């Protein structure tokens, strides 16, 4: 039997988090937590166990989340990270690569197949940019 990939979603947009959670849960993943960016990732990591992959919005309406990505990479290096963003030109993709971030998706260009492809590629050890 195939092991379910455990996912955490961190994004400020409630609808996006809920729709993505429901979609992933229906398509062979287990979403173990969803959080608003201002709730802080630290408490989420303590309350639900570790995800295999954290899906993190790069920029929310309130903050640049690169500090959250760095914190996660430092404290939980085994957790793989897929960064999502609305605008590709505002993301320092080289800096993300230097941090060892496994992937990035531009929300405005991605469809449902792409996020599934990205998550599987990341879980199997590839990068997805």
N, C-alpha and C. Protein backbone atom coordinates (compact mmCIF):
# COMPACT_ATOMS: atom_id res chain seq x y z
N UNK A 1 0.83 -1.19 0.00
CA UNK A 1 0.00 0.00 0.00
C UNK A 1 0.87 1.25 0.00
N UNK A 2 0.50 2.24 -0.80
CA UNK A 2 1.25 3.46 -0.94
C UNK A 2 1.02 4.37 0.28
N UNK A 3 2.10 4.93 0.81
CA UNK A 3 2.00 5.84 1.95
C UNK A 3 1.49 7.19 1.47
N UNK A 4 0.52 7.73 2.21
CA UNK A 4 -0.01 9.04 1.88
C UNK A 4 1.05 10.10 2.18
N UNK A 5 1.17 11.07 1.30
CA UNK A 5 2.08 12.19 1.51
C UNK A 5 1.36 13.19 2.40
N UNK A 6 2.01 13.54 3.53
CA UNK A 6 1.41 14.47 4.49
C UNK A 6 1.79 15.90 4.11
N UNK A 7 0.77 16.76 4.06
CA UNK A 7 0.93 18.13 3.59
C UNK A 7 0.49 19.11 4.66
N UNK A 8 1.22 20.23 4.77
CA UNK A 8 0.77 21.38 5.54
C UNK A 8 0.64 22.54 4.56
N UNK A 9 -0.43 23.32 4.69
CA UNK A 9 -0.65 24.47 3.81
C UNK A 9 -0.59 25.74 4.67
N UNK A 10 0.25 26.69 4.28
CA UNK A 10 0.36 27.98 4.96
C UNK A 10 0.09 29.09 3.94
N UNK A 11 -1.04 29.78 4.11
CA UNK A 11 -1.45 30.81 3.17
C UNK A 11 -2.45 31.71 3.89
N UNK A 12 -2.45 33.00 3.56
CA UNK A 12 -3.38 33.93 4.20
C UNK A 12 -4.79 33.88 3.63
N UNK A 13 -4.95 33.33 2.46
CA UNK A 13 -6.27 33.32 1.81
C UNK A 13 -7.07 32.10 2.25
N UNK A 14 -8.10 32.32 3.04
CA UNK A 14 -8.90 31.24 3.60
C UNK A 14 -9.47 30.33 2.53
N UNK A 15 -10.06 30.91 1.51
CA UNK A 15 -10.69 30.11 0.45
C UNK A 15 -9.65 29.24 -0.25
N UNK A 16 -8.50 29.80 -0.57
CA UNK A 16 -7.44 29.04 -1.23
C UNK A 16 -7.01 27.86 -0.37
N UNK A 17 -6.78 28.11 0.92
CA UNK A 17 -6.37 27.02 1.82
C UNK A 17 -7.42 25.92 1.86
N UNK A 18 -8.69 26.30 1.99
CA UNK A 18 -9.75 25.30 2.11
C UNK A 18 -9.93 24.50 0.82
N UNK A 19 -9.92 25.19 -0.30
CA UNK A 19 -10.08 24.50 -1.59
C UNK A 19 -8.89 23.59 -1.87
N UNK A 20 -7.68 24.08 -1.62
CA UNK A 20 -6.50 23.25 -1.84
C UNK A 20 -6.50 22.05 -0.91
N UNK A 21 -6.85 22.26 0.36
CA UNK A 21 -6.93 21.14 1.32
C UNK A 21 -7.90 20.08 0.83
N UNK A 22 -9.11 20.49 0.46
CA UNK A 22 -10.12 19.52 0.00
C UNK A 22 -9.66 18.80 -1.27
N UNK A 23 -9.08 19.55 -2.20
CA UNK A 23 -8.61 18.96 -3.45
C UNK A 23 -7.52 17.93 -3.18
N UNK A 24 -6.54 18.28 -2.37
CA UNK A 24 -5.44 17.35 -2.10
C UNK A 24 -5.93 16.13 -1.34
N UNK A 25 -6.81 16.32 -0.37
CA UNK A 25 -7.34 15.17 0.38
C UNK A 25 -8.11 14.22 -0.54
N UNK A 26 -8.76 14.72 -1.57
CA UNK A 26 -9.49 13.87 -2.51
C UNK A 26 -8.57 13.20 -3.54
N UNK A 27 -7.32 13.64 -3.60
CA UNK A 27 -6.43 13.15 -4.64
C UNK A 27 -5.18 12.46 -4.09
N UNK A 28 -5.33 11.73 -3.00
CA UNK A 28 -4.27 10.86 -2.53
C UNK A 28 -3.27 11.46 -1.56
N UNK A 29 -3.53 12.66 -1.08
CA UNK A 29 -2.66 13.30 -0.09
C UNK A 29 -3.41 13.39 1.23
N UNK A 30 -2.69 13.64 2.32
CA UNK A 30 -3.29 13.88 3.61
C UNK A 30 -2.85 15.24 4.10
N UNK A 31 -3.77 16.20 4.13
CA UNK A 31 -3.44 17.53 4.64
C UNK A 31 -3.60 17.47 6.15
N UNK A 32 -2.47 17.62 6.85
CA UNK A 32 -2.49 17.48 8.31
C UNK A 32 -2.71 18.81 9.02
N UNK A 33 -2.51 19.93 8.30
CA UNK A 33 -2.72 21.22 8.92
C UNK A 33 -2.82 22.31 7.86
N UNK A 34 -3.64 23.32 8.13
CA UNK A 34 -3.66 24.53 7.33
C UNK A 34 -3.56 25.70 8.30
N UNK A 35 -2.75 26.66 7.95
CA UNK A 35 -2.59 27.82 8.82
C UNK A 35 -2.58 29.12 8.03
N UNK A 36 -3.03 30.18 8.69
CA UNK A 36 -2.84 31.53 8.17
C UNK A 36 -1.40 31.91 8.47
N UNK A 37 -0.82 32.71 7.62
CA UNK A 37 0.58 33.08 7.80
C UNK A 37 0.81 33.78 9.13
N UNK A 38 -0.13 34.59 9.57
CA UNK A 38 0.07 35.32 10.82
C UNK A 38 -0.09 34.44 12.06
N UNK A 39 -0.51 33.19 11.89
CA UNK A 39 -0.61 32.28 13.03
C UNK A 39 0.76 31.72 13.42
N UNK A 40 1.68 31.76 12.50
CA UNK A 40 3.03 31.27 12.78
C UNK A 40 3.14 29.77 12.56
N UNK A 41 4.17 29.41 11.86
CA UNK A 41 4.39 28.01 11.51
C UNK A 41 4.88 27.19 12.71
N UNK A 42 5.49 27.86 13.68
CA UNK A 42 6.07 27.16 14.82
C UNK A 42 5.02 26.34 15.57
N UNK A 43 3.88 26.95 15.86
CA UNK A 43 2.84 26.24 16.60
C UNK A 43 2.23 25.12 15.77
N UNK A 44 2.15 25.31 14.47
CA UNK A 44 1.59 24.27 13.60
C UNK A 44 2.48 23.04 13.59
N UNK A 45 3.77 23.24 13.63
CA UNK A 45 4.69 22.10 13.59
C UNK A 45 4.62 21.30 14.89
N UNK A 46 4.29 21.96 15.99
CA UNK A 46 4.20 21.27 17.27
C UNK A 46 2.88 20.52 17.44
N UNK A 47 1.81 21.03 16.85
CA UNK A 47 0.49 20.50 17.17
C UNK A 47 0.07 19.30 16.34
N UNK A 48 0.61 19.12 15.15
CA UNK A 48 0.10 18.08 14.26
C UNK A 48 1.13 17.09 13.77
N UNK A 49 2.33 17.21 14.23
CA UNK A 49 3.39 16.37 13.69
C UNK A 49 3.96 16.98 12.44
N UNK A 50 4.97 16.36 11.91
CA UNK A 50 5.66 16.92 10.76
C UNK A 50 5.02 16.50 9.45
N UNK A 51 4.84 17.46 8.55
CA UNK A 51 4.40 17.10 7.21
C UNK A 51 5.59 16.60 6.40
N UNK A 52 5.31 15.89 5.33
CA UNK A 52 6.36 15.55 4.38
C UNK A 52 6.73 16.78 3.55
N UNK A 53 5.68 17.56 3.19
CA UNK A 53 5.86 18.75 2.37
C UNK A 53 5.03 19.89 2.96
N UNK A 54 5.65 21.06 3.07
CA UNK A 54 4.94 22.28 3.46
C UNK A 54 4.72 23.12 2.20
N UNK A 55 3.47 23.47 1.95
CA UNK A 55 3.11 24.35 0.83
C UNK A 55 2.95 25.74 1.44
N UNK A 56 3.86 26.65 1.12
CA UNK A 56 3.92 27.95 1.78
C UNK A 56 3.80 29.07 0.75
N UNK A 57 2.86 29.99 1.00
CA UNK A 57 2.73 31.17 0.15
C UNK A 57 3.95 32.05 0.36
N UNK A 58 4.57 32.47 -0.73
CA UNK A 58 5.78 33.29 -0.60
C UNK A 58 5.48 34.66 -0.02
N UNK A 59 4.53 35.36 -0.59
CA UNK A 59 4.16 36.66 -0.05
C UNK A 59 2.67 36.67 0.21
N UNK A 60 2.33 37.06 1.41
CA UNK A 60 0.94 37.27 1.74
C UNK A 60 0.69 38.76 1.68
N UNK A 61 -0.53 39.14 1.97
CA UNK A 61 -0.86 40.56 1.95
C UNK A 61 -0.14 41.33 3.05
N UNK A 62 0.32 40.63 4.07
CA UNK A 62 0.89 41.30 5.24
C UNK A 62 2.41 41.16 5.38
N UNK A 63 2.97 40.15 4.76
CA UNK A 63 4.37 39.89 5.08
C UNK A 63 5.10 39.15 3.96
N UNK A 64 6.39 39.30 3.94
CA UNK A 64 7.26 38.49 3.09
C UNK A 64 7.60 37.25 3.91
N UNK A 65 7.32 36.09 3.41
CA UNK A 65 7.42 34.87 4.21
C UNK A 65 8.75 34.14 4.08
N UNK A 66 9.74 34.82 3.54
CA UNK A 66 11.05 34.18 3.42
C UNK A 66 11.61 33.82 4.79
N UNK A 67 11.32 34.62 5.80
CA UNK A 67 11.79 34.30 7.16
C UNK A 67 11.17 32.99 7.64
N UNK A 68 9.90 32.75 7.32
CA UNK A 68 9.23 31.50 7.70
C UNK A 68 9.88 30.32 6.98
N UNK A 69 10.18 30.50 5.72
CA UNK A 69 10.82 29.44 4.94
C UNK A 69 12.19 29.13 5.53
N UNK A 70 12.95 30.17 5.86
CA UNK A 70 14.27 29.95 6.48
C UNK A 70 14.15 29.22 7.82
N UNK A 71 13.17 29.63 8.65
CA UNK A 71 12.98 29.01 9.95
C UNK A 71 12.67 27.52 9.78
N UNK A 72 11.75 27.22 8.87
CA UNK A 72 11.37 25.83 8.64
C UNK A 72 12.57 25.02 8.16
N UNK A 73 13.33 25.56 7.23
CA UNK A 73 14.50 24.86 6.68
C UNK A 73 15.53 24.61 7.78
N UNK A 74 15.72 25.57 8.67
CA UNK A 74 16.70 25.43 9.75
C UNK A 74 16.27 24.44 10.81
N UNK A 75 15.01 24.53 11.25
CA UNK A 75 14.54 23.72 12.38
C UNK A 75 14.01 22.34 11.98
N UNK A 76 13.53 22.22 10.75
CA UNK A 76 12.98 20.94 10.28
C UNK A 76 13.48 20.66 8.86
N UNK A 77 14.77 20.39 8.72
CA UNK A 77 15.34 20.24 7.37
C UNK A 77 14.76 19.07 6.57
N UNK A 78 14.14 18.11 7.24
CA UNK A 78 13.57 16.97 6.52
C UNK A 78 12.25 17.33 5.82
N UNK A 79 11.61 18.41 6.26
CA UNK A 79 10.35 18.83 5.64
C UNK A 79 10.68 19.52 4.31
N UNK A 80 10.12 19.00 3.25
CA UNK A 80 10.33 19.58 1.92
C UNK A 80 9.38 20.77 1.77
N UNK A 81 9.76 21.73 0.93
CA UNK A 81 8.99 22.96 0.81
C UNK A 81 8.64 23.24 -0.64
N UNK A 82 7.35 23.51 -0.87
CA UNK A 82 6.85 24.00 -2.15
C UNK A 82 6.34 25.41 -1.90
N UNK A 83 6.96 26.40 -2.52
CA UNK A 83 6.54 27.79 -2.37
C UNK A 83 5.53 28.10 -3.46
N UNK A 84 4.45 28.78 -3.06
CA UNK A 84 3.47 29.23 -4.05
C UNK A 84 3.49 30.76 -4.06
N UNK A 85 3.23 31.33 -5.21
CA UNK A 85 3.23 32.79 -5.34
C UNK A 85 2.24 33.19 -6.42
N UNK A 86 1.77 34.42 -6.32
CA UNK A 86 0.89 34.94 -7.36
C UNK A 86 1.70 35.49 -8.54
N UNK A 87 2.89 36.03 -8.25
CA UNK A 87 3.65 36.74 -9.27
C UNK A 87 5.08 36.24 -9.30
N UNK A 88 5.44 35.60 -10.39
CA UNK A 88 6.77 35.00 -10.55
C UNK A 88 7.87 36.04 -10.46
N UNK A 89 7.63 37.24 -10.97
CA UNK A 89 8.70 38.24 -11.03
C UNK A 89 9.04 38.84 -9.67
N UNK A 90 8.26 38.56 -8.64
CA UNK A 90 8.53 39.10 -7.32
C UNK A 90 9.22 38.10 -6.39
N UNK A 91 9.52 36.94 -6.90
CA UNK A 91 10.11 35.89 -6.08
C UNK A 91 11.59 35.74 -6.40
N UNK A 92 12.43 35.76 -5.37
CA UNK A 92 13.87 35.56 -5.60
C UNK A 92 14.18 34.07 -5.75
N UNK A 93 13.90 33.51 -6.93
CA UNK A 93 14.02 32.07 -7.10
C UNK A 93 15.43 31.57 -6.84
N UNK A 94 16.45 32.37 -7.16
CA UNK A 94 17.82 31.95 -6.87
C UNK A 94 18.04 31.81 -5.37
N UNK A 95 17.48 32.75 -4.60
CA UNK A 95 17.61 32.66 -3.15
C UNK A 95 16.88 31.44 -2.61
N UNK A 96 15.72 31.13 -3.18
CA UNK A 96 14.99 29.93 -2.76
C UNK A 96 15.81 28.68 -3.06
N UNK A 97 16.41 28.63 -4.22
CA UNK A 97 17.25 27.48 -4.58
C UNK A 97 18.44 27.35 -3.64
N UNK A 98 19.06 28.50 -3.29
CA UNK A 98 20.19 28.47 -2.37
C UNK A 98 19.78 27.94 -0.99
N UNK A 99 18.54 28.21 -0.58
CA UNK A 99 18.03 27.70 0.69
C UNK A 99 17.67 26.22 0.61
N UNK A 100 17.71 25.66 -0.59
CA UNK A 100 17.37 24.26 -0.77
C UNK A 100 15.88 24.01 -0.89
N UNK A 101 15.12 25.03 -1.25
CA UNK A 101 13.68 24.88 -1.42
C UNK A 101 13.45 23.99 -2.64
N UNK A 102 12.59 23.00 -2.44
CA UNK A 102 12.42 21.96 -3.47
C UNK A 102 11.58 22.41 -4.67
N UNK A 103 10.70 23.39 -4.50
CA UNK A 103 9.89 23.77 -5.64
C UNK A 103 9.16 25.08 -5.47
N UNK A 104 8.65 25.57 -6.61
CA UNK A 104 7.87 26.80 -6.64
C UNK A 104 6.81 26.69 -7.73
N UNK A 105 5.63 27.17 -7.41
CA UNK A 105 4.53 27.22 -8.37
C UNK A 105 3.95 28.63 -8.38
N UNK A 106 3.67 29.14 -9.57
CA UNK A 106 2.99 30.42 -9.70
C UNK A 106 1.49 30.12 -9.76
N UNK A 107 0.76 30.56 -8.73
CA UNK A 107 -0.66 30.22 -8.60
C UNK A 107 -1.47 30.64 -9.83
N UNK A 108 -1.16 31.81 -10.37
CA UNK A 108 -1.95 32.32 -11.49
C UNK A 108 -1.76 31.52 -12.77
N UNK A 109 -0.71 30.69 -12.84
CA UNK A 109 -0.45 29.88 -14.04
C UNK A 109 -0.66 28.38 -13.82
N UNK A 110 -0.79 27.96 -12.57
CA UNK A 110 -0.86 26.53 -12.27
C UNK A 110 -2.29 26.00 -12.38
N UNK A 111 -2.39 24.76 -12.81
CA UNK A 111 -3.68 24.08 -12.76
C UNK A 111 -3.56 22.93 -11.76
N UNK A 112 -4.64 22.20 -11.58
CA UNK A 112 -4.66 21.14 -10.57
C UNK A 112 -3.65 20.04 -10.85
N UNK A 113 -3.44 19.71 -12.11
CA UNK A 113 -2.45 18.67 -12.45
C UNK A 113 -1.05 19.10 -12.06
N UNK A 114 -0.76 20.40 -12.21
CA UNK A 114 0.60 20.87 -11.92
C UNK A 114 0.93 20.73 -10.44
N UNK A 115 0.01 21.04 -9.56
CA UNK A 115 0.35 20.94 -8.14
C UNK A 115 0.54 19.48 -7.73
N UNK A 116 -0.25 18.58 -8.31
CA UNK A 116 -0.07 17.16 -8.01
C UNK A 116 1.29 16.69 -8.55
N UNK A 117 1.63 17.09 -9.77
CA UNK A 117 2.92 16.74 -10.36
C UNK A 117 4.06 17.27 -9.51
N UNK A 118 3.96 18.53 -9.07
CA UNK A 118 5.01 19.14 -8.26
C UNK A 118 5.18 18.41 -6.94
N UNK A 119 4.08 18.12 -6.26
CA UNK A 119 4.16 17.45 -4.96
C UNK A 119 4.77 16.05 -5.09
N UNK A 120 4.38 15.30 -6.11
CA UNK A 120 4.97 13.97 -6.31
C UNK A 120 6.46 14.07 -6.65
N UNK A 121 6.82 15.02 -7.51
CA UNK A 121 8.23 15.17 -7.87
C UNK A 121 9.07 15.52 -6.65
N UNK A 122 8.57 16.44 -5.84
CA UNK A 122 9.29 16.85 -4.63
C UNK A 122 9.42 15.68 -3.66
N UNK A 123 8.35 14.94 -3.47
CA UNK A 123 8.40 13.80 -2.54
C UNK A 123 9.40 12.75 -3.01
N UNK A 124 9.54 12.60 -4.33
CA UNK A 124 10.47 11.61 -4.89
C UNK A 124 11.92 12.11 -4.95
N UNK A 125 12.16 13.35 -4.47
CA UNK A 125 13.52 13.84 -4.40
C UNK A 125 13.95 14.80 -5.51
N UNK A 126 13.04 15.14 -6.40
CA UNK A 126 13.36 16.10 -7.47
C UNK A 126 13.02 17.51 -7.02
N UNK A 127 13.44 18.48 -7.82
CA UNK A 127 12.99 19.84 -7.61
C UNK A 127 11.96 20.19 -8.67
N UNK A 128 11.17 21.21 -8.40
CA UNK A 128 10.12 21.61 -9.34
C UNK A 128 10.09 23.14 -9.39
N UNK A 129 10.61 23.68 -10.47
CA UNK A 129 10.60 25.13 -10.67
C UNK A 129 10.07 25.45 -12.05
